[in-house]
C-alpha atoms as a PDB file:
ATOM      1  CA  MET A   1       0.191   0.198  -0.095  1.00  0.00           C
ATOM      2  CA  THR A   2       1.383   3.290  -0.900  1.00  0.00           C
ATOM      3  CA  HIS A   3       1.570   6.596   1.425  1.00  0.00           C
ATOM      4  CA  HIS A   4      -1.099   8.275  -0.832  1.00  0.00           C
ATOM      5  CA  GLU A   5      -3.313   5.302  -0.387  1.00  0.00           C
ATOM      6  CA  SER A   6      -2.976   4.403   3.455  1.00  0.00           C
ATOM      7  CA  LYS A   7      -3.263   8.467   3.504  1.00  0.00           C
ATOM      8  CA  ALA A   8      -6.777   8.539   1.845  1.00  0.00           C
ATOM      9  CA  ARG A   9      -7.980   5.451   3.960  1.00  0.00           C
ATOM     10  CA  LYS A  10      -7.352   7.218   7.092  1.00  0.00           C
ATOM     11  CA  SER A  11      -8.946  10.509   5.809  1.00  0.00           C
ATOM     12  CA  TRP A  12     -12.431   8.152   4.486  1.00  0.00           C
ATOM     13  CA  LEU A  13     -12.271   7.089   8.451  1.00  0.00           C
ATOM     14  CA  LEU A  14     -12.145  10.339   9.817  1.00  0.00           C
ATOM     15  CA  SER A  15     -14.798  11.734   7.744  1.00  0.00           C
ATOM     16  CA  PHE A  16     -16.986   8.549   8.328  1.00  0.00           C
ATOM     17  CA  GLY A  17     -16.491   9.185  12.186  1.00  0.00           C
ATOM     18  CA  ASP A  18     -17.532  12.600  11.387  1.00  0.00           C
ATOM     19  CA  LEU A  19     -20.703  11.504   9.777  1.00  0.00           C
ATOM     20  CA  VAL A  20     -21.644   9.077  12.612  1.00  0.00           C
ATOM     21  CA  THR A  21     -21.417  11.702  15.435  1.00  0.00           C
ATOM     22  CA  LEU A  22     -23.580  14.331  13.209  1.00  0.00           C
ATOM     23  CA  LEU A  23     -25.952  11.608  12.778  1.00  0.00           C
ATOM     24  CA  ILE A  24     -26.165  10.901  16.542  1.00  0.00           C
ATOM     25  CA  CYS A  25     -26.495  14.668  17.004  1.00  0.00           C
ATOM     26  CA  PHE A  26     -29.217  14.700  14.528  1.00  0.00           C
ATOM     27  CA  PHE A  27     -31.324  11.548  15.579  1.00  0.00           C
ATOM     28  CA  ILE A  28     -31.269  13.167  19.562  1.00  0.00           C
ATOM     29  CA  MET A  29     -32.333  16.243  18.373  1.00  0.00           C
ATOM     30  CA  THR A  30     -35.189  14.716  15.818  1.00  0.00           C
ATOM     31  CA  LEU A  31     -36.369  12.659  19.182  1.00  0.00           C
ATOM     32  CA  VAL A  32     -36.538  15.237  21.659  1.00  0.00           C
ATOM     33  CA  LEU A  33     -37.996  18.053  19.077  1.00  0.00           C
ATOM     34  CA  ASN A  34     -40.588  15.540  17.886  1.00  0.00           C
ATOM     35  CA  LYS A  35     -43.157  15.086  20.162  1.00  0.00           C
ATOM     36  CA  GLY A  36     -44.302  11.604  18.829  1.00  0.00           C
ATOM     37  CA  ASP A  37     -40.609  10.517  19.203  1.00  0.00           C
ATOM     38  CA  VAL A  38     -40.089  11.652  22.737  1.00  0.00           C
ATOM     39  CA  LYS A  39     -41.159   8.313  23.928  1.00  0.00           C
ATOM     40  CA  GLN A  40     -38.429   6.448  22.266  1.00  0.00           C
ATOM     41  CA  VAL A  41     -36.266   8.494  24.748  1.00  0.00           C
ATOM     42  CA  HIS A  42     -37.954   7.667  27.697  1.00  0.00           C
ATOM     43  CA  GLN A  43     -37.574   4.057  26.400  1.00  0.00           C
ATOM     44  CA  TRP A  44     -33.953   4.152  25.844  1.00  0.00           C
ATOM     45  CA  ILE A  45     -34.020   5.968  29.602  1.00  0.00           C
ATOM     46  CA  ASP A  46     -35.911   2.867  31.119  1.00  0.00           C
ATOM     47  CA  GLY A  47     -33.803   0.707  29.359  1.00  0.00           C
ATOM     48  CA  GLN A  48     -30.780   2.053  31.419  1.00  0.00           C
ATOM     49  CA  ILE A  49     -32.623   1.473  34.427  1.00  0.00           C
ATOM     50  CA  GLU A  50     -32.911  -1.824  33.752  1.00  0.00           C
ATOM     51  CA  ARG A  51     -29.733  -2.787  33.177  1.00  0.00           C
ATOM     52  CA  SER A  52     -28.892  -1.521  36.129  1.00  0.00           C
ATOM     53  CA  TYR A  53     -31.711  -3.046  37.862  1.00  0.00           C
ATOM     54  CA  HIS A  54     -30.394  -6.493  36.574  1.00  0.00           C
ATOM     55  CA  SER A  55     -26.729  -5.661  37.864  1.00  0.00           C
ATOM     56  CA  LEU A  56     -27.698  -4.834  41.108  1.00  0.00           C
ATOM     57  CA  GLN A  57     -29.956  -8.046  41.193  1.00  0.00           C
ATOM     58  CA  ARG A  58     -26.770 -10.069  40.178  1.00  0.00           C
ATOM     59  CA  THR A  59     -25.055  -8.289  42.918  1.00  0.00           C
ATOM     60  CA  LEU A  60     -27.135  -8.960  45.964  1.00  0.00           C
ATOM     61  CA  ALA A  61     -27.603 -12.726  44.863  1.00  0.00           C
ATOM     62  CA  GLN A  62     -24.199 -13.232  44.733  1.00  0.00           C
ATOM     63  CA  ASP A  63     -23.177 -11.574  48.331  1.00  0.00           C
ATOM     64  CA  GLU A  64     -26.532 -13.154  49.950  1.00  0.00           C
ATOM     65  CA  LEU A  65     -27.078 -10.100  51.697  1.00  0.00           C
ATOM     66  CA  VAL A  66     -29.422 -10.579  54.703  1.00  0.00           C
ATOM     67  CA  GLY A  67     -32.199  -8.210  55.235  1.00  0.00           C
ATOM     68  CA  VAL A  68     -32.127  -6.338  52.054  1.00  0.00           C
ATOM     69  CA  ALA A  69     -34.855  -6.472  48.922  1.00  0.00           C
ATOM     70  CA  LEU A  70     -34.815  -5.461  45.381  1.00  0.00           C
ATOM     71  CA  SER A  71     -37.829  -4.030  43.617  1.00  0.00           C
ATOM     72  CA  ARG A  72     -38.350  -2.309  40.401  1.00  0.00           C
ATOM     73  CA  ASP A  73     -41.485  -0.448  39.659  1.00  0.00           C
ATOM     74  CA  ASN A  74     -42.305   3.092  37.463  1.00  0.00           C
ATOM     75  CA  GLU A  75     -40.409   5.365  39.947  1.00  0.00           C
ATOM     76  CA  GLY A  76     -37.033   3.363  38.819  1.00  0.00           C
ATOM     77  CA  ILE A  77     -34.753   0.954  41.650  1.00  0.00           C
ATOM     78  CA  LEU A  78     -36.036   0.693  45.279  1.00  0.00           C
ATOM     79  CA  ILE A  79     -33.641  -1.120  47.605  1.00  0.00           C
ATOM     80  CA  THR A  80     -35.124  -1.997  51.042  1.00  0.00           C
ATOM     81  CA  ILE A  81     -33.014  -2.342  54.158  1.00  0.00           C
ATOM     82  CA  ASN A  82     -35.300  -4.242  56.465  1.00  0.00           C
ATOM     83  CA  THR A  83     -33.597  -6.080  59.491  1.00  0.00           C
ATOM     84  CA  PRO A  84     -34.231  -6.118  63.177  1.00  0.00           C
ATOM     85  CA  ASP A  85     -30.622  -4.952  63.977  1.00  0.00           C
ATOM     86  CA  ALA A  86     -30.005  -1.839  61.717  1.00  0.00           C
ATOM     87  CA  PHE A  87     -30.815   0.558  64.531  1.00  0.00           C
ATOM     88  CA  GLU A  88     -30.856   0.423  68.180  1.00  0.00           C
ATOM     89  CA  SER A  89     -34.556   1.301  69.670  1.00  0.00           C
ATOM     90  CA  ALA A  90     -34.969   5.497  69.007  1.00  0.00           C
ATOM     91  CA  LYS A  91     -31.110   5.522  67.823  1.00  0.00           C
ATOM     92  CA  THR A  92     -30.158   7.286  64.700  1.00  0.00           C
ATOM     93  CA  GLN A  93     -26.558   5.478  64.026  1.00  0.00           C
ATOM     94  CA  PRO A  94     -26.398   2.467  62.063  1.00  0.00           C
ATOM     95  CA  SER A  95     -25.571  -0.784  63.622  1.00  0.00           C
ATOM     96  CA  PRO A  96     -22.489  -2.419  62.136  1.00  0.00           C
ATOM     97  CA  LEU A  97     -24.506  -4.909  60.608  1.00  0.00           C
ATOM     98  CA  LEU A  98     -26.134  -1.836  58.680  1.00  0.00           C
ATOM     99  CA  ASN A  99     -22.911  -0.285  58.199  1.00  0.00           C
ATOM    100  CA  GLN A 100     -21.711  -3.379  56.104  1.00  0.00           C
ATOM    101  CA  LEU A 101     -24.720  -3.432  54.177  1.00  0.00           C
ATOM    102  CA  ILE A 102     -24.397  -0.052  52.959  1.00  0.00           C
ATOM    103  CA  GLN A 103     -20.850  -0.228  52.494  1.00  0.00           C
ATOM    104  CA  ARG A 104     -21.639  -3.261  49.797  1.00  0.00           C
ATOM    105  CA  ILE A 105     -24.444  -1.210  48.149  1.00  0.00           C
ATOM    106  CA  ALA A 106     -22.171   1.642  48.084  1.00  0.00           C
ATOM    107  CA  LEU A 107     -19.635  -0.186  46.380  1.00  0.00           C
ATOM    108  CA  GLN A 108     -21.860  -1.070  43.418  1.00  0.00           C
ATOM    109  CA  LEU A 109     -23.769   2.281  42.667  1.00  0.00           C
ATOM    110  CA  PRO A 110     -20.641   3.812  40.764  1.00  0.00           C
ATOM    111  CA  GLN A 111     -20.913   0.647  38.588  1.00  0.00           C
ATOM    112  CA  LEU A 112     -24.504   1.048  37.378  1.00  0.00           C
ATOM    113  CA  PRO A 113     -25.460   1.889  33.956  1.00  0.00           C
ATOM    114  CA  ILE A 114     -27.322   4.825  34.986  1.00  0.00           C
ATOM    115  CA  ILE A 115     -24.444   6.252  36.819  1.00  0.00           C
ATOM    116  CA  GLN A 116     -22.122   5.425  34.052  1.00  0.00           C
ATOM    117  CA  VAL A 117     -24.188   7.159  31.213  1.00  0.00           C
ATOM    118  CA  GLU A 118     -22.179  10.590  30.816  1.00  0.00           C
ATOM    119  CA  GLN A 119     -18.922   8.192  30.535  1.00  0.00           C
ATOM    120  CA  ASN A 120     -20.148   5.749  28.153  1.00  0.00           C
ATOM    121  CA  TYR A 121     -22.237   8.076  25.802  1.00  0.00           C
ATOM    122  CA  PRO A 122     -20.460  11.423  25.986  1.00  0.00           C
ATOM    123  CA  GLU A 123     -21.502  12.161  22.624  1.00  0.00           C
ATOM    124  CA  LEU A 124     -25.030  11.725  23.418  1.00  0.00           C
ATOM    125  CA  ILE A 125     -25.143  13.519  26.512  1.00  0.00           C
ATOM    126  CA  ARG A 126     -23.572  16.563  24.618  1.00  0.00           C
ATOM    127  CA  SER A 127     -26.570  16.103  21.970  1.00  0.00           C
ATOM    128  CA  MET A 128     -28.962  16.309  24.537  1.00  0.00           C
ATOM    129  CA  GLN A 129     -27.314  19.430  26.473  1.00  0.00           C
ATOM    130  CA  GLN A 130     -27.705  21.373  23.136  1.00  0.00           C
ATOM    131  CA  ALA A 131     -31.081  20.592  22.927  1.00  0.00           C
ATOM    132  CA  GLY A 132     -31.603  22.103  26.510  1.00  0.00           C
ATOM    133  CA  LEU A 133     -31.840  18.827  28.401  1.00  0.00           C
ATOM    134  CA  ASN A 134     -29.637  17.528  31.274  1.00  0.00           C
ATOM    135  CA  TRP A 135     -29.145  13.659  32.529  1.00  0.00           C
ATOM    136  CA  HIS A 136     -30.072  13.688  36.274  1.00  0.00           C
ATOM    137  CA  THR A 137     -29.391  10.746  38.369  1.00  0.00           C
ATOM    138  CA  ASP A 138     -31.448  10.668  41.762  1.00  0.00           C
ATOM    139  CA  ILE A 139     -30.428   8.512  44.739  1.00  0.00           C
ATOM    140  CA  ILE A 140     -33.024   8.916  47.540  1.00  0.00           C
ATOM    141  CA  ILE A 141     -32.672   7.702  50.615  1.00  0.00           C
ATOM    142  CA  GLU A 142     -36.224   7.218  52.962  1.00  0.00           C
ATOM    143  CA  GLY A 143     -36.404   6.374  56.790  1.00  0.00           C
ATOM    144  CA  HIS A 144     -39.679   4.691  57.693  1.00  0.00           C
ATOM    145  CA  THR A 145     -40.379   3.801  61.578  1.00  0.00           C
ATOM    146  CA  ASP A 146     -43.175   2.326  63.395  1.00  0.00           C
ATOM    147  CA  ASN A 147     -46.019   4.073  65.063  1.00  0.00           C
ATOM    148  CA  ASP A 148     -44.301   3.676  68.844  1.00  0.00           C
ATOM    149  CA  ALA A 149     -44.275   7.292  70.243  1.00  0.00           C
ATOM    150  CA  ILE A 150     -41.084   8.640  71.184  1.00  0.00           C
ATOM    151  CA  ALA A 151     -40.200   9.010  74.878  1.00  0.00           C
ATOM    152  CA  ALA A 152     -40.917  12.020  76.506  1.00  0.00           C
ATOM    153  CA  THR A 153     -36.978  11.669  77.660  1.00  0.00           C
ATOM    154  CA  SER A 154     -35.631  11.753  74.429  1.00  0.00           C
ATOM    155  CA  PRO A 155     -33.848  14.525  72.493  1.00  0.00           C
ATOM    156  CA  LEU A 156     -36.048  13.382  69.708  1.00  0.00           C
ATOM    157  CA  ARG A 157     -39.463  15.164  68.647  1.00  0.00           C
ATOM    158  CA  ASN A 158     -41.317  12.375  67.002  1.00  0.00           C
ATOM    159  CA  ASN A 159     -40.888   9.845  64.056  1.00  0.00           C
ATOM    160  CA  TRP A 160     -40.675  11.977  61.556  1.00  0.00           C
ATOM    161  CA  GLN A 161     -37.417  13.701  62.991  1.00  0.00           C
ATOM    162  CA  LEU A 162     -36.458  10.223  63.814  1.00  0.00           C
ATOM    163  CA  SER A 163     -36.676   8.587  60.425  1.00  0.00           C
ATOM    164  CA  ALA A 164     -35.215  11.328  58.960  1.00  0.00           C
ATOM    165  CA  LEU A 165     -32.120  11.605  60.825  1.00  0.00           C
ATOM    166  CA  ARG A 166     -31.785   7.742  60.042  1.00  0.00           C
ATOM    167  CA  ALA A 167     -32.032   8.500  56.531  1.00  0.00           C
ATOM    168  CA  GLN A 168     -29.174  11.128  56.815  1.00  0.00           C
ATOM    169  CA  ALA A 169     -26.719   9.050  58.562  1.00  0.00           C
ATOM    170  CA  VAL A 170     -27.144   6.388  55.533  1.00  0.00           C
ATOM    171  CA  MET A 171     -27.224   8.870  52.644  1.00  0.00           C
ATOM    172  CA  MET A 172     -24.220  10.608  54.354  1.00  0.00           C
ATOM    173  CA  GLN A 173     -22.293   7.136  54.411  1.00  0.00           C
ATOM    174  CA  LEU A 174     -23.299   6.036  51.085  1.00  0.00           C
ATOM    175  CA  GLN A 175     -22.261   9.500  49.572  1.00  0.00           C
ATOM    176  CA  SER A 176     -18.845   8.767  51.273  1.00  0.00           C
ATOM    177  CA  GLU A 177     -18.177   5.397  50.354  1.00  0.00           C
ATOM    178  CA  SER A 178     -19.634   5.649  46.829  1.00  0.00           C
ATOM    179  CA  LYS A 179     -17.498   8.750  46.124  1.00  0.00           C
ATOM    180  CA  LEU A 180     -20.580   9.911  44.069  1.00  0.00           C
ATOM    181  CA  PRO A 181     -20.944  13.894  43.761  1.00  0.00           C
ATOM    182  CA  PRO A 182     -23.105  14.713  46.871  1.00  0.00           C
ATOM    183  CA  GLU A 183     -25.969  16.571  44.552  1.00  0.00           C
ATOM    184  CA  ARG A 184     -27.135  13.390  43.355  1.00  0.00           C
ATOM    185  CA  PHE A 185     -28.076  12.466  46.835  1.00  0.00           C
ATOM    186  CA  SER A 186     -31.070  13.438  48.936  1.00  0.00           C
ATOM    187  CA  LEU A 187     -33.214  12.155  51.704  1.00  0.00           C
ATOM    188  CA  ALA A 188     -36.864  11.981  53.262  1.00  0.00           C
ATOM    189  CA  GLY A 189     -38.358  11.075  56.575  1.00  0.00           C
ATOM    190  CA  LYS A 190     -41.580   9.330  56.350  1.00  0.00           C
ATOM    191  CA  GLY A 191     -41.875   8.351  59.817  1.00  0.00           C
ATOM    192  CA  GLU A 192     -44.700   6.345  60.593  1.00  0.00           C
ATOM    193  CA  TYR A 193     -46.880   7.498  57.644  1.00  0.00           C
ATOM    194  CA  ALA A 194     -45.942   4.751  54.949  1.00  0.00           C
ATOM    195  CA  PRO A 195     -46.074   1.708  56.333  1.00  0.00           C
ATOM    196  CA  ILE A 196     -46.305  -1.356  54.233  1.00  0.00           C
ATOM    197  CA  SER A 197     -47.948  -3.677  57.404  1.00  0.00           C
ATOM    198  CA  ASP A 198     -50.599  -2.647  59.928  1.00  0.00           C
ATOM    199  CA  ASN A 199     -48.826  -1.640  63.269  1.00  0.00           C
ATOM    200  CA  ASP A 200     -50.654  -4.570  65.486  1.00  0.00           C
ATOM    201  CA  THR A 201     -47.902  -6.643  66.317  1.00  0.00           C
ATOM    202  CA  ALA A 202     -44.374  -6.437  66.859  1.00  0.00           C
ATOM    203  CA  GLU A 203     -43.888  -8.458  63.748  1.00  0.00           C
ATOM    204  CA  HIS A 204     -45.308  -6.210  61.511  1.00  0.00           C
ATOM    205  CA  LYS A 205     -43.994  -2.987  63.292  1.00  0.00           C
ATOM    206  CA  SER A 206     -40.710  -4.648  62.471  1.00  0.00           C
ATOM    207  CA  GLN A 207     -41.427  -4.703  58.887  1.00  0.00           C
ATOM    208  CA  ASN A 208     -42.339  -0.876  59.056  1.00  0.00           C
ATOM    209  CA  ARG A 209     -38.682   0.038  60.687  1.00  0.00           C
ATOM    210  CA  ARG A 210     -36.806   0.175  57.397  1.00  0.00           C
ATOM    211  CA  ILE A 211     -34.477   1.890  55.093  1.00  0.00           C
ATOM    212  CA  GLN A 212     -35.355   2.668  51.653  1.00  0.00           C
ATOM    213  CA  ILE A 213     -32.997   3.453  48.974  1.00  0.00           C
ATOM    214  CA  ARG A 214     -34.734   4.643  45.657  1.00  0.00           C
ATOM    215  CA  ILE A 215     -32.829   5.302  42.201  1.00  0.00           C
ATOM    216  CA  ASN A 216     -33.691   6.644  39.329  1.00  0.00           C
ATOM    217  CA  ALA A 217     -32.965   8.725  36.009  1.00  0.00           C
ATOM    218  CA  ALA A 218     -34.546  11.297  33.881  1.00  0.00           C
ATOM    219  CA  LEU A 219     -33.801  14.324  31.369  1.00  0.00           C
ATOM    220  CA  LEU A 220     -34.622  17.486  32.596  1.00  0.00           C
ATOM    221  CA  LYS A 221     -34.781  21.111  30.634  1.00  0.00           C
ATOM    222  CA  SER A 222     -31.962  23.077  31.374  1.00  0.00           C
ATOM    223  CA  THR A 223     -32.468  25.919  33.756  1.00  0.00           C
ATOM    224  CA  PRO A 224     -31.724  29.234  32.008  1.00  0.00           C
ATOM    225  CA  SER A 225     -28.752  31.184  33.628  1.00  0.00           C
ATOM    226  CA  SER A 226     -29.961  34.685  35.089  1.00  0.00           C
END
């Protein structure tokens, strides 16, 4: 192969690469501007969430984490931690057992496809940004309690505060050990007001005392800078 032939082949490859990039940009712009095709964008996002769900499912099955359940719904991925030894009664600091569970989950978060979208699809993300959309990932930690009243001698005022402080402790450890940006994390204290069982027996109450980690992703419109 002569020098000119080699140069011609390389030029063709560069031109082809530029063409592919332009086609990607055009495709995404068409999707986000054409109302009829926006559904395809949401299907792609849902696919990334589904891949993340199966990734976590495999990890939890391999590690055999006791007291950890995984589910998938319209709001994303839900990890439920429900173990009697997660917290001491009316306390907010995670137990050694809960610390171990959080560590295992934190190690997996950066590996999830929805977390790695920006690294794996840089051209796609740039095209979305040019269309006025930003990729946004949420990791929301929810605290839940039973309906037992807080003791009058406790510094805590109510179950709302107890659940929020527990969620905060879990959130801070998850963020620290996963090394993910703090802005991806948020928390909610649900107190006794989102039970999954009646609070009529000790067993049912123990089911309501739980930490839930919800993971989701979406495309959000960019906020114009003032």
